[in-house]
Amino acid sequence: MHKSSISRTNSQTKKKIVRSIVKITGGSNGYKSLSNHIDYISRNGSIDLISSDGSVFKNMEKQQAKREMSAVNENLLPSNDFNKCKQTYNIVFSMPVSKRKKQKLIDAVYETLKEQFEDNYFLIALHEDKDHPHVHVSLNKKSMKNGENIHLNKEILQNIKHIFSKKLIEKGLDVKLED
């Protein structure tokens, strides 16, 4: 076999390394910014929202989703519209995955959040309007159990990414396990 045909064969068998992405994209410091974010991730009610308790808010039920999110944190009530500190984290979870495997992506995000933040209320929404599906999250910083706020740092974010990658692998998706 000629050298050129060997390298062609090797390059054809190389597998592309797929990485998952978890990014904090912002947060809400009051009801108005929370409401705007929920409008955005639900595409003004045209995309289903899934809550941390498994409830699905369809179509225009986004108002109910807003009420539930603010009910666990008095700093997010309409009467308390601006706080110095963020009251939620806005997070995006992504990886290149075909649209037919989108439920695995949603399930991996949901399970990751339940494992890492079992006492915090969150809403998730799948966006499919880009080249690859991605999941938006609004995560309430305040624990429903003890009222304490979570603070995400690089170490916790790396752990979230590791858990997310692990969940994707468990679901049969080919992704690099993040350390």
Foldseek 3Di string as FASTA:
>chain_A
DDPVVVVVVVVVPDDDAWAKDKDFDAAFFEQVVVLVVLCVQCVNQCWWKAKLVGDIQHRNSSVVVSCVQCVLPVCHDPVNGGDPDGQKTKMKIFIADDPVCVVLLVVLLSVLCCVLQVQWMKMKTWDDPDNGIMIIMIIGQAGSPPRDGDDDDPVSSQVSSQSSQVSSVVVVHRHDRGD
